[in-house]
Amino acid sequence: MNLVLSGFSEALTLGSDRVSVLEVHNRRLFARICQSLASELDSEALEPYALWNGEDRRSSRNYFLFVFNPFELPWSERALMGEVLERVEDMFLAEDDVRQEIETAGRALSERVASLGLRLQSDYAFEVQWEMRKYLKAFDFGVEVDPFDALLDNLIKFLKFASDAAFEKQLVFVNLKNFLEPDEVQEFYRQAVFLELNVLLLENVPDDAVFEYERKMCIDKDFLQS
């Protein structure tokens, strides 16, 4: 996939073989580009842009998942959590011994709760049969996040979460490098490429460091592209 910004001749390649970086040194242009990509308005955006898959132009609608604040990662994002729930449910249905064991435990729990209802005046019962997906949602199944974990650890955990969800769209992080040391950036890149995720960094601060897994396009303060 190629990202083409209106007014600039070169395209930025997006893919899972490298982490793509768009480094824009002019703050006003940087803000306009971030706003435009987040709007998903393509040619109608504040700064028009286009996504090309070979010779086919495609819409960016629902293609980008933005992370503006790395300290508030979207752990409950439906596009991710929904896929993980479905994957767990598929594994549950595929393994008979596990399914039977869990269903037996579920029935025992229902019967025990129902026995408490016998102490009440009216009649009570469960109307909905036990289902894995409903159980996962009811008990708030999700990624275990420790507030004391380092930022890099949480970022890697998030990348693994996206991988578990088989997320094939574009993860977009804004000014992520501001919070990471060069060796942490490299490790973040390594994990993203290993997990075969499509990751794009939008950066405003000039960075002369060279990273093994980075593919970067720069637009300097004079709007010159390199």
Protein backbone atom coordinates (compact mmCIF):
# COMPACT_ATOMS: atom_id res chain seq x y z
CA MET A 1 0.00 0.00 0.00
CA ASN A 2 1.25 3.50 -0.86
CA LEU A 3 0.29 6.76 0.85
CA VAL A 4 0.38 9.77 -1.47
CA LEU A 5 0.01 13.29 -0.08
CA SER A 6 -1.36 15.93 -2.43
CA GLY A 7 1.40 18.28 -3.58
CA PHE A 8 4.22 15.83 -2.94
CA SER A 9 5.65 13.66 -5.69
CA GLU A 10 6.98 10.74 -3.67
CA ALA A 11 4.74 8.12 -2.04
CA LEU A 12 5.35 6.54 1.34
CA THR A 13 5.15 2.76 1.20
CA LEU A 14 3.10 1.16 3.96
CA GLY A 15 3.65 -2.48 4.79
CA SER A 16 4.54 -5.07 7.39
CA ASP A 17 8.15 -5.57 6.24
CA ARG A 18 9.21 -2.24 7.81
CA VAL A 19 7.75 0.36 10.14
CA SER A 20 6.87 3.37 7.99
CA VAL A 21 7.63 6.85 9.33
CA LEU A 22 6.33 10.15 8.01
CA GLU A 23 8.46 12.89 9.56
CA VAL A 24 7.04 16.38 9.02
CA HIS A 25 9.12 19.23 10.47
CA ASN A 26 6.65 22.06 9.82
CA ARG A 27 4.28 21.98 12.78
CA ARG A 28 1.30 23.44 10.98
CA LEU A 29 1.60 20.98 8.10
CA PHE A 30 2.15 18.15 10.58
CA ALA A 31 -1.08 19.02 12.41
CA ARG A 32 -2.99 19.28 9.14
CA ILE A 33 -1.72 15.88 7.97
CA CYS A 34 -2.61 14.21 11.28
CA GLN A 35 -6.07 15.79 11.21
CA SER A 36 -6.57 14.75 7.60
CA LEU A 37 -5.58 11.11 8.03
CA ALA A 38 -7.72 10.82 11.16
CA SER A 39 -10.69 12.28 9.28
CA GLU A 40 -10.61 9.44 6.71
CA LEU A 41 -11.81 11.93 4.08
CA ASP A 42 -9.18 11.09 1.44
CA SER A 43 -9.30 13.70 -1.36
CA GLU A 44 -11.81 15.79 0.62
CA ALA A 45 -9.52 16.13 3.64
CA LEU A 46 -7.83 19.33 4.82
CA GLU A 47 -4.61 17.99 3.30
CA PRO A 48 -5.85 15.69 0.52
CA TYR A 49 -4.26 12.26 0.32
CA ALA A 50 -4.79 8.93 -1.39
CA LEU A 51 -4.10 5.27 -0.67
CA TRP A 52 -3.00 3.14 -3.60
CA ASN A 53 -2.80 -0.64 -3.70
CA GLY A 54 -0.87 -1.15 -6.89
CA GLU A 55 -2.92 0.64 -9.54
CA ASP A 56 -6.10 0.52 -7.47
CA ARG A 57 -7.08 3.46 -5.33
CA ARG A 58 -8.80 2.49 -2.10
CA SER A 59 -10.73 4.33 0.56
CA SER A 60 -9.14 4.94 3.94
CA ARG A 61 -12.51 4.51 5.65
CA ASN A 62 -11.96 2.35 8.75
CA TYR A 63 -8.40 1.62 7.58
CA PHE A 64 -6.45 3.60 10.18
CA LEU A 65 -6.40 2.90 13.92
CA PHE A 66 -4.85 5.97 15.57
CA VAL A 67 -2.93 6.03 18.85
CA PHE A 68 -2.53 9.68 19.84
CA ASN A 69 -1.55 8.91 23.43
CA PRO A 70 0.71 5.86 24.02
CA PHE A 71 -0.18 5.98 27.71
CA GLU A 72 -3.83 5.33 26.86
CA LEU A 73 -3.64 2.48 24.38
CA PRO A 74 -6.99 1.37 22.89
CA TRP A 75 -7.24 -1.93 24.75
CA SER A 76 -11.02 -2.08 24.31
CA GLU A 77 -11.02 -1.16 20.62
CA ARG A 78 -13.82 -3.18 19.04
CA ALA A 79 -11.84 -3.99 15.90
CA LEU A 80 -9.28 -5.71 18.11
CA MET A 81 -11.19 -7.06 21.12
CA GLY A 82 -14.02 -8.40 18.99
CA GLU A 83 -11.61 -10.47 16.91
CA VAL A 84 -9.85 -11.84 20.00
CA LEU A 85 -13.20 -12.87 21.53
CA GLU A 86 -14.12 -14.65 18.31
CA ARG A 87 -10.76 -16.42 18.24
CA VAL A 88 -11.12 -17.63 21.84
CA GLU A 89 -14.65 -18.83 21.06
CA ASP A 90 -13.41 -20.72 18.00
CA MET A 91 -10.72 -22.43 20.09
CA PHE A 92 -13.35 -23.29 22.70
CA LEU A 93 -15.60 -24.92 20.07
CA ALA A 94 -12.71 -26.74 18.40
CA GLU A 95 -11.42 -28.53 21.51
CA ASP A 96 -14.05 -30.97 22.79
CA ASP A 97 -12.38 -31.81 26.10
CA VAL A 98 -11.91 -28.14 26.98
CA ARG A 99 -15.45 -27.28 25.87
CA GLN A 100 -17.02 -30.08 27.92
CA GLU A 101 -15.02 -29.15 31.00
CA ILE A 102 -15.97 -25.47 30.76
CA GLU A 103 -19.63 -26.23 30.06
CA THR A 104 -19.77 -28.53 33.08
CA ALA A 105 -18.31 -25.79 35.24
CA GLY A 106 -20.80 -23.33 33.78
CA ARG A 107 -23.76 -25.55 34.60
CA ALA A 108 -22.47 -26.05 38.15
CA LEU A 109 -22.21 -22.28 38.60
CA SER A 110 -25.74 -21.74 37.25
CA GLU A 111 -27.19 -24.44 39.49
CA ARG A 112 -25.45 -23.01 42.54
CA VAL A 113 -26.76 -19.53 41.87
CA ALA A 114 -30.24 -20.91 41.14
CA SER A 115 -30.22 -22.67 44.51
CA LEU A 116 -29.88 -19.28 46.17
CA GLY A 117 -33.06 -18.20 44.41
CA LEU A 118 -34.98 -20.89 46.24
CA ARG A 119 -34.65 -18.82 49.38
CA LEU A 120 -36.63 -16.00 47.77
CA GLN A 121 -40.40 -15.72 47.53
CA SER A 122 -40.91 -15.79 43.75
CA ASP A 123 -39.50 -18.12 41.06
CA TYR A 124 -36.13 -17.32 39.46
CA ALA A 125 -34.12 -18.95 36.69
CA PHE A 126 -31.57 -18.16 33.97
CA GLU A 127 -33.27 -17.44 30.65
CA VAL A 128 -30.08 -17.39 28.59
CA GLN A 129 -28.02 -20.53 28.07
CA TRP A 130 -24.33 -20.42 28.86
CA GLU A 131 -22.16 -19.21 25.95
CA MET A 132 -18.43 -18.59 25.83
CA ARG A 133 -18.67 -15.14 24.21
CA LYS A 134 -21.25 -13.93 26.75
CA TYR A 135 -19.12 -15.30 29.57
CA LEU A 136 -16.04 -13.46 28.29
CA LYS A 137 -17.95 -10.20 28.01
CA ALA A 138 -19.71 -10.58 31.36
CA PHE A 139 -16.44 -11.02 33.19
CA ASP A 140 -14.66 -8.28 31.21
CA PHE A 141 -12.14 -10.55 29.50
CA GLY A 142 -9.28 -8.52 28.07
CA VAL A 143 -5.57 -7.83 28.09
CA GLU A 144 -4.10 -7.66 31.59
CA VAL A 145 -2.50 -4.24 31.89
CA ASP A 146 -0.26 -3.31 34.81
CA PRO A 147 -0.09 0.48 35.42
CA PHE A 148 3.46 0.01 36.73
CA ASP A 149 4.76 -1.60 33.52
CA ALA A 150 7.18 0.42 31.41
CA LEU A 151 5.81 2.13 28.31
CA LEU A 152 7.78 -0.13 25.96
CA ASP A 153 6.40 -3.24 27.68
CA ASN A 154 2.85 -1.99 27.22
CA LEU A 155 3.50 -1.07 23.60
CA ILE A 156 4.83 -4.55 22.85
CA LYS A 157 1.87 -6.08 24.68
CA PHE A 158 -0.41 -3.95 22.52
CA LEU A 159 1.33 -5.10 19.33
CA LYS A 160 0.85 -8.71 20.41
CA PHE A 161 -2.81 -7.93 21.12
CA ALA A 162 -3.18 -6.60 17.56
CA SER A 163 -1.45 -9.72 16.25
CA ASP A 164 -3.82 -11.97 18.21
CA ALA A 165 -6.68 -10.07 16.56
CA ALA A 166 -5.08 -10.67 13.14
CA PHE A 167 -5.28 -6.91 12.58
CA GLU A 168 -4.33 -6.27 8.95
CA LYS A 169 -5.14 -2.56 8.79
CA GLN A 170 -2.88 0.36 9.69
CA LEU A 171 -1.79 1.17 13.24
CA VAL A 172 -0.83 4.85 13.40
CA PHE A 173 1.18 6.27 16.31
CA VAL A 174 1.64 10.03 16.69
CA ASN A 175 4.99 11.34 17.99
CA LEU A 176 5.76 8.02 19.64
CA LYS A 177 9.52 8.56 19.42
CA ASN A 178 9.25 11.42 21.93
CA PHE A 179 8.73 8.84 24.67
CA LEU A 180 11.28 6.18 23.69
CA GLU A 181 15.04 5.84 23.72
CA PRO A 182 16.66 4.76 20.41
CA ASP A 183 17.15 1.19 21.60
CA GLU A 184 13.48 1.07 22.63
CA VAL A 185 12.43 2.37 19.21
CA GLN A 186 14.48 -0.39 17.60
CA GLU A 187 12.87 -3.04 19.81
CA PHE A 188 9.40 -1.68 19.06
CA TYR A 189 10.21 -1.88 15.34
CA ARG A 190 11.58 -5.40 15.67
CA GLN A 191 8.44 -6.62 17.39
CA ALA A 192 6.14 -4.95 14.85
CA VAL A 193 7.97 -6.55 11.92
CA PHE A 194 8.18 -9.95 13.64
CA LEU A 195 4.41 -9.85 14.23
CA GLU A 196 3.84 -8.75 10.61
CA LEU A 197 1.82 -5.67 11.55
CA ASN A 198 1.30 -2.57 9.44
CA VAL A 199 2.62 0.31 11.56
CA LEU A 200 2.95 3.98 10.64
CA LEU A 201 4.59 6.62 12.82
CA LEU A 202 3.74 10.29 12.32
CA GLU A 203 6.61 12.31 13.76
CA ASN A 204 7.25 16.04 14.08
CA VAL A 205 10.73 16.09 15.65
CA PRO A 206 13.76 15.63 13.33
CA ASP A 207 15.53 12.34 13.97
CA ASP A 208 18.85 11.50 12.34
CA ALA A 209 19.08 8.02 13.87
CA VAL A 210 19.16 5.10 11.46
CA PHE A 211 17.04 2.09 12.38
CA GLU A 212 17.22 -1.34 10.79
CA TYR A 213 13.46 -1.81 10.43
CA GLU A 214 12.48 1.75 9.49
CA ARG A 215 11.28 3.17 6.19
CA LYS A 216 11.09 6.97 6.44
CA MET A 217 9.94 9.90 4.37
CA CYS A 218 10.81 13.43 5.55
CA ILE A 219 9.18 16.77 4.73
CA ASP A 220 11.32 19.61 6.07
CA LYS A 221 10.24 23.08 7.19
CA ASP A 222 10.54 24.34 3.61
CA PHE A 223 8.23 21.56 2.41
CA LEU A 224 11.06 19.75 0.65
CA GLN A 225 10.58 15.99 0.53
CA SER A 226 13.29 13.40 1.06
